[in-house]
Each structure stands twice: as C-alpha cells, then as structure tokens.
Amino acid sequence: MTKLRRLLGDREPPVEVKPGHRFCRRRRDNVTEMATVVELRAEINGIPHVRFELAYEERSIGRVHAGLRVLALGSFVETFAERVL
C-alpha cells in the first residue's frame, strides 16, 4: 500500500500526485502558475495535504518564485488540474 493510498483511504485521486511532479494553472491574465510537489502528508486531523513550490510565469517577465505553499490534496487537484510532463 502506497503512502498516498494510506492517506486517502479508499478514495482515488483524479490525478496522480507525487513529489517532483509539476502541475500548472493558466490564469485569465496570461500568467501561468507552476506548482512543483515537494511532499504529501496527512495533517493532524488526517486530511492529506500537498506541500509545493509555487512560481509564476509570464512571457514578458519570465519566472517569479513565490515560495512554498500548502493545500489540501482535493483543493490542490482542483486548482492545478493540468500535469506538466
């Protein structure tokens, strides 16, 4: 049984999320938010969370690093639905 499977119980995530995976979200203002997964862990109440490095990309300014963020796994997958291969 994988660590993520233990965190989720019987629920299957719609997208596989592992450390090192990159995901993106394209905003209306032509800025792309890039999320690089650092770790998955269950918080005190047992809800799985994703810790990730966030960066903003835009053609005229390049890449701007925004630091570490944490979201519940469900919120992360809803926000960053597109995996970058």
C-alpha atoms as a PDB file:
ATOM      1  CA  MET A   1       0.000   0.000   0.000  1.00  0.00           C
ATOM      2  CA  THR A   2       1.479   3.352  -1.011  1.00  0.00           C
ATOM      3  CA  LYS A   3       1.767   6.258   1.375  1.00  0.00           C
ATOM      4  CA  LEU A   4      -0.732   8.299  -0.676  1.00  0.00           C
ATOM      5  CA  ARG A   5      -3.190   5.396  -0.636  1.00  0.00           C
ATOM      6  CA  ARG A   6      -2.948   5.239   3.164  1.00  0.00           C
ATOM      7  CA  LEU A   7      -3.619   8.989   3.342  1.00  0.00           C
ATOM      8  CA  LEU A   8      -6.655   8.780   1.071  1.00  0.00           C
ATOM      9  CA  GLY A   9      -8.175   5.572   2.390  1.00  0.00           C
ATOM     10  CA  ASP A  10     -10.493   4.137  -0.283  1.00  0.00           C
ATOM     11  CA  ARG A  11     -10.717   7.351  -2.304  1.00  0.00           C
ATOM     12  CA  GLU A  12      -8.781   7.598  -5.563  1.00  0.00           C
ATOM     13  CA  PRO A  13      -7.293  10.957  -6.542  1.00  0.00           C
ATOM     14  CA  PRO A  14      -8.366  12.051 -10.063  1.00  0.00           C
ATOM     15  CA  VAL A  15      -4.683  12.711 -10.874  1.00  0.00           C
ATOM     16  CA  GLU A  16      -1.556  11.010  -9.538  1.00  0.00           C
ATOM     17  CA  VAL A  17       0.311  13.434  -7.267  1.00  0.00           C
ATOM     18  CA  LYS A  18       3.870  12.591  -6.194  1.00  0.00           C
ATOM     19  CA  PRO A  19       6.888  14.579  -5.019  1.00  0.00           C
ATOM     20  CA  GLY A  20       8.669  16.044  -8.026  1.00  0.00           C
ATOM     21  CA  HIS A  21       5.544  16.187 -10.199  1.00  0.00           C
ATOM     22  CA  ARG A  22       4.772  19.574 -11.762  1.00  0.00           C
ATOM     23  CA  PHE A  23       1.308  21.000 -12.338  1.00  0.00           C
ATOM     24  CA  CYS A  24       0.097  24.255 -13.837  1.00  0.00           C
ATOM     25  CA  ARG A  25      -2.876  26.563 -13.901  1.00  0.00           C
ATOM     26  CA  ARG A  26      -3.339  29.176 -16.601  1.00  0.00           C
ATOM     27  CA  ARG A  27      -4.955  32.373 -15.397  1.00  0.00           C
ATOM     28  CA  ARG A  28      -7.042  34.830 -17.431  1.00  0.00           C
ATOM     29  CA  ASP A  29      -4.273  37.441 -17.266  1.00  0.00           C
ATOM     30  CA  ASN A  30      -1.896  35.155 -19.240  1.00  0.00           C
ATOM     31  CA  VAL A  31       0.108  34.270 -16.142  1.00  0.00           C
ATOM     32  CA  THR A  32       0.774  30.577 -15.581  1.00  0.00           C
ATOM     33  CA  GLU A  33       1.064  29.305 -12.030  1.00  0.00           C
ATOM     34  CA  MET A  34       3.509  26.388 -11.784  1.00  0.00           C
ATOM     35  CA  ALA A  35       3.369  24.079  -8.763  1.00  0.00           C
ATOM     36  CA  THR A  36       6.155  21.579  -8.051  1.00  0.00           C
ATOM     37  CA  VAL A  37       5.162  18.994  -5.426  1.00  0.00           C
ATOM     38  CA  VAL A  38       7.602  18.792  -2.508  1.00  0.00           C
ATOM     39  CA  GLU A  39       5.776  16.308  -0.255  1.00  0.00           C
ATOM     40  CA  LEU A  40       2.448  14.702   0.629  1.00  0.00           C
ATOM     41  CA  ARG A  41       1.429  14.289   4.234  1.00  0.00           C
ATOM     42  CA  ALA A  42      -1.577  13.922   6.483  1.00  0.00           C
ATOM     43  CA  GLU A  43      -2.192  16.807   8.850  1.00  0.00           C
ATOM     44  CA  ILE A  44      -3.170  16.269  12.486  1.00  0.00           C
ATOM     45  CA  ASN A  45      -6.819  15.678  11.551  1.00  0.00           C
ATOM     46  CA  GLY A  46      -5.849  13.075   8.905  1.00  0.00           C
ATOM     47  CA  ILE A  47      -6.627  15.197   5.835  1.00  0.00           C
ATOM     48  CA  PRO A  48      -3.964  14.695   3.130  1.00  0.00           C
ATOM     49  CA  HIS A  49      -2.100  17.870   2.170  1.00  0.00           C
ATOM     50  CA  VAL A  50       0.310  18.773  -0.614  1.00  0.00           C
ATOM     51  CA  ARG A  51       3.329  20.955   0.116  1.00  0.00           C
ATOM     52  CA  PHE A  52       4.542  22.598  -3.100  1.00  0.00           C
ATOM     53  CA  GLU A  53       6.834  25.250  -4.545  1.00  0.00           C
ATOM     54  CA  LEU A  54       4.875  27.920  -6.445  1.00  0.00           C
ATOM     55  CA  ALA A  55       6.191  30.009  -9.328  1.00  0.00           C
ATOM     56  CA  TYR A  56       4.518  32.464 -11.699  1.00  0.00           C
ATOM     57  CA  GLU A  57       5.448  32.507 -15.383  1.00  0.00           C
ATOM     58  CA  GLU A  58       4.628  35.207 -17.892  1.00  0.00           C
ATOM     59  CA  ARG A  59       6.271  35.848 -21.247  1.00  0.00           C
ATOM     60  CA  SER A  60       7.334  39.461 -20.589  1.00  0.00           C
ATOM     61  CA  ILE A  61       8.656  38.946 -17.032  1.00  0.00           C
ATOM     62  CA  GLY A  62       9.837  35.327 -17.086  1.00  0.00           C
ATOM     63  CA  ARG A  63       9.580  33.220 -13.935  1.00  0.00           C
ATOM     64  CA  VAL A  64       8.987  34.601 -10.437  1.00  0.00           C
ATOM     65  CA  HIS A  65       9.358  32.221  -7.492  1.00  0.00           C
ATOM     66  CA  ALA A  66       6.617  32.642  -4.892  1.00  0.00           C
ATOM     67  CA  GLY A  67       7.849  30.191  -2.232  1.00  0.00           C
ATOM     68  CA  LEU A  68       6.331  27.193  -0.503  1.00  0.00           C
ATOM     69  CA  ARG A  69       2.581  26.710  -0.169  1.00  0.00           C
ATOM     70  CA  VAL A  70       0.313  24.019   1.324  1.00  0.00           C
ATOM     71  CA  LEU A  71      -3.143  22.954   0.130  1.00  0.00           C
ATOM     72  CA  ALA A  72      -5.409  20.030   0.976  1.00  0.00           C
ATOM     73  CA  LEU A  73      -4.978  17.351  -1.697  1.00  0.00           C
ATOM     74  CA  GLY A  74      -8.516  17.840  -3.035  1.00  0.00           C
ATOM     75  CA  SER A  75      -8.054  21.610  -3.349  1.00  0.00           C
ATOM     76  CA  PHE A  76      -4.645  21.153  -4.972  1.00  0.00           C
ATOM     77  CA  VAL A  77      -6.026  18.780  -7.635  1.00  0.00           C
ATOM     78  CA  GLU A  78      -8.959  21.115  -8.351  1.00  0.00           C
ATOM     79  CA  THR A  79      -6.662  24.142  -8.633  1.00  0.00           C
ATOM     80  CA  PHE A  80      -3.772  22.529 -10.508  1.00  0.00           C
ATOM     81  CA  ALA A  81      -5.575  20.002 -12.718  1.00  0.00           C
ATOM     82  CA  GLU A  82      -3.022  20.000 -15.565  1.00  0.00           C
ATOM     83  CA  ARG A  83       0.139  17.936 -15.030  1.00  0.00           C
ATOM     84  CA  VAL A  84       3.259  19.136 -16.836  1.00  0.00           C
ATOM     85  CA  LEU A  85       5.329  16.261 -18.190  1.00  0.00           C
END
